[in-house]
Each structure stands twice: as C-alpha cells, then as structure tokens.
PDB file of N, CA and C in Angstrom:
ATOM      1  N   MET A   1     139.845  80.183 231.976  1.00  0.00           N
ATOM      2  CA  MET A   1     140.579  80.225 233.225  1.00  0.00           C
ATOM      3  C   MET A   1     142.068  80.152 232.952  1.00  0.00           C
ATOM      4  N   GLN A   2     142.776  81.036 233.526  1.00  0.00           N
ATOM      5  CA  GLN A   2     144.213  81.033 233.331  1.00  0.00           C
ATOM      6  C   GLN A   2     144.885  80.275 234.475  1.00  0.00           C
ATOM      7  N   GLY A   3     145.853  79.422 234.139  1.00  0.00           N
ATOM      8  CA  GLY A   3     146.577  78.687 235.161  1.00  0.00           C
ATOM      9  C   GLY A   3     145.972  77.343 235.531  1.00  0.00           C
ATOM     10  N   TRP A   4     144.894  76.957 234.878  1.00  0.00           N
ATOM     11  CA  TRP A   4     144.251  75.675 235.167  1.00  0.00           C
ATOM     12  C   TRP A   4     144.305  74.777 233.952  1.00  0.00           C
ATOM     13  N   ILE A   5     144.401  73.498 234.185  1.00  0.00           N
ATOM     14  CA  ILE A   5     144.351  72.527 233.097  1.00  0.00           C
ATOM     15  C   ILE A   5     142.896  72.126 232.938  1.00  0.00           C
ATOM     16  N   THR A   6     142.350  72.378 231.763  1.00  0.00           N
ATOM     17  CA  THR A   6     140.934  72.112 231.562  1.00  0.00           C
ATOM     18  C   THR A   6     140.634  70.650 231.288  1.00  0.00           C
ATOM     19  N   ASN A   7     141.591  69.932 230.721  1.00  0.00           N
ATOM     20  CA  ASN A   7     141.390  68.513 230.416  1.00  0.00           C
ATOM     21  C   ASN A   7     142.598  67.730 230.918  1.00  0.00           C
ATOM     22  N   GLU A   8     142.546  67.334 232.182  1.00  0.00           N
ATOM     23  CA  GLU A   8     143.694  66.667 232.803  1.00  0.00           C
ATOM     24  C   GLU A   8     144.015  65.333 232.134  1.00  0.00           C
ATOM     25  N   THR A   9     143.004  64.616 231.711  1.00  0.00           N
ATOM     26  CA  THR A   9     143.229  63.328 231.059  1.00  0.00           C
ATOM     27  C   THR A   9     144.042  63.511 229.782  1.00  0.00           C
ATOM     28  N   LYS A  10     143.691  64.504 228.993  1.00  0.00           N
ATOM     29  CA  LYS A  10     144.423  64.775 227.755  1.00  0.00           C
ATOM     30  C   LYS A  10     145.838  65.257 228.064  1.00  0.00           C
ATOM     31  N   ALA A  11     145.995  66.072 229.086  1.00  0.00           N
ATOM     32  CA  ALA A  11     147.321  66.561 229.479  1.00  0.00           C
ATOM     33  C   ALA A  11     148.218  65.397 229.891  1.00  0.00           C
ATOM     34  N   ILE A  12     147.679  64.472 230.656  1.00  0.00           N
ATOM     35  CA  ILE A  12     148.437  63.290 231.081  1.00  0.00           C
ATOM     36  C   ILE A  12     148.854  62.476 229.867  1.00  0.00           C
ATOM     37  N   GLU A  13     147.940  62.287 228.951  1.00  0.00           N
ATOM     38  CA  GLU A  13     148.230  61.528 227.728  1.00  0.00           C
ATOM     39  C   GLU A  13     149.337  62.205 226.917  1.00  0.00           C
ATOM     40  N   GLN A  14     149.265  63.522 226.781  1.00  0.00           N
ATOM     41  CA  GLN A  14     150.274  64.250 226.016  1.00  0.00           C
ATOM     42  C   GLN A  14     151.633  64.205 226.706  1.00  0.00           C
ATOM     43  N   LEU A  15     151.653  64.329 228.024  1.00  0.00           N
ATOM     44  CA  LEU A  15     152.918  64.275 228.752  1.00  0.00           C
ATOM     45  C   LEU A  15     153.568  62.900 228.643  1.00  0.00           C
ATOM     46  N   ARG A  16     152.755  61.863 228.586  1.00  0.00           N
ATOM     47  CA  ARG A  16     153.300  60.518 228.410  1.00  0.00           C
ATOM     48  C   ARG A  16     153.956  60.360 227.047  1.00  0.00           C
ATOM     49  N   GLU A  17     153.414  61.031 226.057  1.00  0.00           N
ATOM     50  CA  GLU A  17     153.927  60.918 224.680  1.00  0.00           C
ATOM     51  C   GLU A  17     155.091  61.853 224.395  1.00  0.00           C
ATOM     52  N   MET A  18     155.244  62.922 225.146  1.00  0.00           N
ATOM     53  CA  MET A  18     156.242  63.960 224.865  1.00  0.00           C
ATOM     54  C   MET A  18     157.617  63.576 225.414  1.00  0.00           C
ATOM     55  N   ARG A  19     158.170  62.537 224.947  1.00  0.00           N
ATOM     56  CA  ARG A  19     159.491  62.120 225.410  1.00  0.00           C
ATOM     57  C   ARG A  19     160.549  62.741 224.520  1.00  0.00           C
ATOM     58  N   VAL A  20     161.422  63.512 225.134  1.00  0.00           N
ATOM     59  CA  VAL A  20     162.423  64.250 224.377  1.00  0.00           C
ATOM     60  C   VAL A  20     163.354  63.313 223.614  1.00  0.00           C
ATOM     61  N   PHE A  21     163.596  62.139 224.147  1.00  0.00           N
ATOM     62  CA  PHE A  21     164.501  61.219 223.474  1.00  0.00           C
ATOM     63  C   PHE A  21     163.803  60.383 222.405  1.00  0.00           C
ATOM     64  N   ARG A  22     162.605  60.745 222.045  1.00  0.00           N
ATOM     65  CA  ARG A  22     161.934  60.164 220.877  1.00  0.00           C
ATOM     66  C   ARG A  22     162.202  61.001 219.631  1.00  0.00           C
ATOM     67  N   ILE A  23     162.817  62.155 219.818  1.00  0.00           N
ATOM     68  CA  ILE A  23     163.088  63.062 218.705  1.00  0.00           C
ATOM     69  C   ILE A  23     164.490  62.751 218.179  1.00  0.00           C
ATOM     70  N   PRO A  24     164.564  62.194 216.969  1.00  0.00           N
ATOM     71  CA  PRO A  24     165.851  61.712 216.447  1.00  0.00           C
ATOM     72  C   PRO A  24     166.981  62.747 216.466  1.00  0.00           C
ATOM     73  N   VAL A  25     166.703  63.993 216.120  1.00  0.00           N
ATOM     74  CA  VAL A  25     167.761  65.000 216.076  1.00  0.00           C
ATOM     75  C   VAL A  25     168.301  65.290 217.484  1.00  0.00           C
ATOM     76  N   ILE A  26     167.459  65.221 218.493  1.00  0.00           N
ATOM     77  CA  ILE A  26     167.917  65.431 219.867  1.00  0.00           C
ATOM     78  C   ILE A  26     168.759  64.248 220.320  1.00  0.00           C
ATOM     79  N   VAL A  27     168.327  63.052 219.995  1.00  0.00           N
ATOM     80  CA  VAL A  27     169.094  61.850 220.345  1.00  0.00           C
ATOM     81  C   VAL A  27     170.470  61.908 219.684  1.00  0.00           C
ATOM     82  N   GLN A  28     170.513  62.269 218.425  1.00  0.00           N
ATOM     83  CA  GLN A  28     171.785  62.362 217.719  1.00  0.00           C
ATOM     84  C   GLN A  28     172.683  63.408 218.365  1.00  0.00           C
ATOM     85  N   PHE A  29     172.149  64.581 218.626  1.00  0.00           N
ATOM     86  CA  PHE A  29     172.931  65.632 219.282  1.00  0.00           C
ATOM     87  C   PHE A  29     173.425  65.171 220.647  1.00  0.00           C
ATOM     88  N   TYR A  30     172.541  64.595 221.434  1.00  0.00           N
ATOM     89  CA  TYR A  30     172.857  64.224 222.812  1.00  0.00           C
ATOM     90  C   TYR A  30     173.974  63.185 222.882  1.00  0.00           C
ATOM     91  N   PHE A  31     173.917  62.184 222.033  1.00  0.00           N
ATOM     92  CA  PHE A  31     174.870  61.089 222.123  1.00  0.00           C
ATOM     93  C   PHE A  31     176.094  61.237 221.214  1.00  0.00           C
ATOM     94  N   ASP A  32     176.028  62.112 220.215  1.00  0.00           N
ATOM     95  CA  ASP A  32     177.146  62.252 219.281  1.00  0.00           C
ATOM     96  C   ASP A  32     178.012  63.484 219.538  1.00  0.00           C
ATOM     97  N   SER A  33     177.748  64.234 220.598  1.00  0.00           N
ATOM     98  CA  SER A  33     178.509  65.471 220.810  1.00  0.00           C
ATOM     99  C   SER A  33     179.789  65.247 221.616  1.00  0.00           C
ATOM    100  N   ASN A  34     180.072  64.016 222.012  1.00  0.00           N
ATOM    101  CA  ASN A  34     181.359  63.623 222.598  1.00  0.00           C
ATOM    102  C   ASN A  34     181.905  64.574 223.669  1.00  0.00           C
ATOM    103  N   GLY A  35     181.187  64.706 224.751  1.00  0.00           N
ATOM    104  CA  GLY A  35     181.684  65.501 225.875  1.00  0.00           C
ATOM    105  C   GLY A  35     181.523  66.998 225.725  1.00  0.00           C
ATOM    106  N   LYS A  36     180.896  67.445 224.683  1.00  0.00           N
ATOM    107  CA  LYS A  36     180.660  68.875 224.483  1.00  0.00           C
ATOM    108  C   LYS A  36     179.226  69.214 224.883  1.00  0.00           C
ATOM    109  N   TYR A  37     178.973  70.483 225.061  1.00  0.00           N
ATOM    110  CA  TYR A  37     177.625  71.012 225.302  1.00  0.00           C
ATOM    111  C   TYR A  37     176.984  70.422 226.560  1.00  0.00           C
ATOM    112  N   ASP A  38     177.766  70.323 227.624  1.00  0.00           N
ATOM    113  CA  ASP A  38     177.244  69.728 228.860  1.00  0.00           C
ATOM    114  C   ASP A  38     176.050  70.497 229.432  1.00  0.00           C
ATOM    115  N   GLN A  39     176.072  71.826 229.335  1.00  0.00           N
ATOM    116  CA  GLN A  39     174.949  72.608 229.861  1.00  0.00           C
ATOM    117  C   GLN A  39     173.685  72.383 229.042  1.00  0.00           C
ATOM    118  N   MET A  40     173.827  72.265 227.743  1.00  0.00           N
ATOM    119  CA  MET A  40     172.673  71.999 226.890  1.00  0.00           C
ATOM    120  C   MET A  40     172.097  70.622 227.193  1.00  0.00           C
ATOM    121  N   LYS A  41     172.955  69.646 227.402  1.00  0.00           N
ATOM    122  CA  LYS A  41     172.496  68.299 227.740  1.00  0.00           C
ATOM    123  C   LYS A  41     171.799  68.292 229.090  1.00  0.00           C
ATOM    124  N   ALA A  42     172.329  69.044 230.044  1.00  0.00           N
ATOM    125  CA  ALA A  42     171.695  69.143 231.361  1.00  0.00           C
ATOM    126  C   ALA A  42     170.317  69.793 231.233  1.00  0.00           C
ATOM    127  N   TYR A  43     170.189  70.782 230.367  1.00  0.00           N
ATOM    128  CA  TYR A  43     168.899  71.437 230.136  1.00  0.00           C
ATOM    129  C   TYR A  43     167.890  70.452 229.544  1.00  0.00           C
ATOM    130  N   ILE A  44     168.322  69.643 228.602  1.00  0.00           N
ATOM    131  CA  ILE A  44     167.447  68.635 227.997  1.00  0.00           C
ATOM    132  C   ILE A  44     166.972  67.645 229.058  1.00  0.00           C
ATOM    133  N   ARG A  45     167.899  67.189 229.904  1.00  0.00           N
ATOM    134  CA  ARG A  45     167.515  66.271 230.990  1.00  0.00           C
ATOM    135  C   ARG A  45     166.548  66.943 231.957  1.00  0.00           C
ATOM    136  N   MET A  46     166.775  68.214 232.260  1.00  0.00           N
ATOM    137  CA  MET A  46     165.905  68.956 233.173  1.00  0.00           C
ATOM    138  C   MET A  46     164.496  69.082 232.600  1.00  0.00           C
ATOM    139  N   LEU A  47     164.389  69.347 231.310  1.00  0.00           N
ATOM    140  CA  LEU A  47     163.078  69.442 230.677  1.00  0.00           C
ATOM    141  C   LEU A  47     162.321  68.120 230.783  1.00  0.00           C
ATOM    142  N   ASP A  48     163.030  67.021 230.558  1.00  0.00           N
ATOM    143  CA  ASP A  48     162.373  65.725 230.646  1.00  0.00           C
ATOM    144  C   ASP A  48     161.977  65.418 232.089  1.00  0.00           C
ATOM    145  N   TYR A  49     162.830  65.812 233.035  1.00  0.00           N
ATOM    146  CA  TYR A  49     162.519  65.619 234.456  1.00  0.00           C
ATOM    147  C   TYR A  49     161.289  66.440 234.846  1.00  0.00           C
ATOM    148  N   LEU A  50     161.209  67.673 234.357  1.00  0.00           N
ATOM    149  CA  LEU A  50     160.040  68.514 234.630  1.00  0.00           C
ATOM    150  C   LEU A  50     158.777  67.873 234.063  1.00  0.00           C
ATOM    151  N   ARG A  51     158.880  67.293 232.872  1.00  0.00           N
ATOM    152  CA  ARG A  51     157.746  66.590 232.269  1.00  0.00           C
ATOM    153  C   ARG A  51     157.284  65.449 233.180  1.00  0.00           C
ATOM    154  N   LEU A  52     158.240  64.703 233.709  1.00  0.00           N
ATOM    155  CA  LEU A  52     157.896  63.594 234.595  1.00  0.00           C
ATOM    156  C   LEU A  52     157.267  64.081 235.903  1.00  0.00           C
ATOM    157  N   LEU A  53     157.767  65.192 236.433  1.00  0.00           N
ATOM    158  CA  LEU A  53     157.182  65.751 237.654  1.00  0.00           C
ATOM    159  C   LEU A  53     155.740  66.200 237.431  1.00  0.00           C
ATOM    160  N   MET A  54     155.500  66.855 236.298  1.00  0.00           N
ATOM    161  CA  MET A  54     154.137  67.289 235.990  1.00  0.00           C
ATOM    162  C   MET A  54     153.220  66.094 235.809  1.00  0.00           C
ATOM    163  N   LEU A  55     153.714  65.066 235.155  1.00  0.00           N
ATOM    164  CA  LEU A  55     152.939  63.851 234.953  1.00  0.00           C
ATOM    165  C   LEU A  55     152.595  63.210 236.301  1.00  0.00           C
ATOM    166  N   GLU A  56     153.581  63.120 237.175  1.00  0.00           N
ATOM    167  CA  GLU A  56     153.345  62.546 238.496  1.00  0.00           C
ATOM    168  C   GLU A  56     152.327  63.371 239.280  1.00  0.00           C
ATOM    169  N   TYR A  57     152.450  64.686 239.227  1.00  0.00           N
ATOM    170  CA  TYR A  57     151.533  65.577 239.931  1.00  0.00           C
ATOM    171  C   TYR A  57     150.103  65.394 239.419  1.00  0.00           C
ATOM    172  N   LEU A  58     149.940  65.368 238.122  1.00  0.00           N
ATOM    173  CA  LEU A  58     148.599  65.236 237.548  1.00  0.00           C
ATOM    174  C   LEU A  58     147.985  63.876 237.842  1.00  0.00           C
ATOM    175  N   GLN A  59     148.806  62.844 237.865  1.00  0.00           N
ATOM    176  CA  GLN A  59     148.270  61.510 238.136  1.00  0.00           C
ATOM    177  C   GLN A  59     147.901  61.343 239.596  1.00  0.00           C
ATOM    178  N   ASP A  60     148.560  62.064 240.489  1.00  0.00           N
ATOM    179  CA  ASP A  60     148.256  61.996 241.916  1.00  0.00           C
ATOM    180  C   ASP A  60     147.045  62.818 242.296  1.00  0.00           C
ATOM    181  N   GLU A  61     146.719  63.813 241.483  1.00  0.00           N
ATOM    182  CA  GLU A  61     145.567  64.667 241.752  1.00  0.00           C
ATOM    183  C   GLU A  61     144.287  64.004 241.271  1.00  0.00           C
ATOM    184  N   PRO A  62     143.214  64.150 242.020  1.00  0.00           N
ATOM    185  CA  PRO A  62     141.936  63.623 241.526  1.00  0.00           C
ATOM    186  C   PRO A  62     141.484  64.380 240.300  1.00  0.00           C
ATOM    187  N   ILE A  63     141.014  63.658 239.311  1.00  0.00           N
ATOM    188  CA  ILE A  63     140.517  64.268 238.076  1.00  0.00           C
ATOM    189  C   ILE A  63     139.083  64.721 238.296  1.00  0.00           C
ATOM    190  N   ASN A  64     138.823  66.006 238.001  1.00  0.00           N
ATOM    191  CA  ASN A  64     137.470  66.574 238.213  1.00  0.00           C
ATOM    192  C   ASN A  64     136.562  66.225 237.070  1.00  0.00           C
TER     193      ASN A  64
END
C-alpha cells in the first residue's frame, strides 16, 4: 500500500529517536555558525517541527 504506515508503533518509536540535534555535526554547525546560514538553520528547525507534528498525529490516531 502506498501512502500508509504499515507499522505505526515502529514509526512512532523511530520519530521519537530521530532528533536532529542529536547529530553532533548538525549541532556544531547550528551553534558555531555565528549568525550565518539563517535559512539553513530555519530549514533544520522546520524539519524537526515536522517530525514533531507527525509524531503528534500518529499518537493521536488509533493504532490498528
């Protein structure tokens, strides 16, 4: 099936673990770039926000 999550429990678990700020090179880039690359930093924050939205959506949905 395309477009469906076959194992919601596993997806929730993976989304909980996929924290962008757990990746050392991203943390270094994000905090050491001293006011540069604002659009890239906004993109990183947006990705993490999207992860949280998906996690919230999956947790609110009944697991089949």
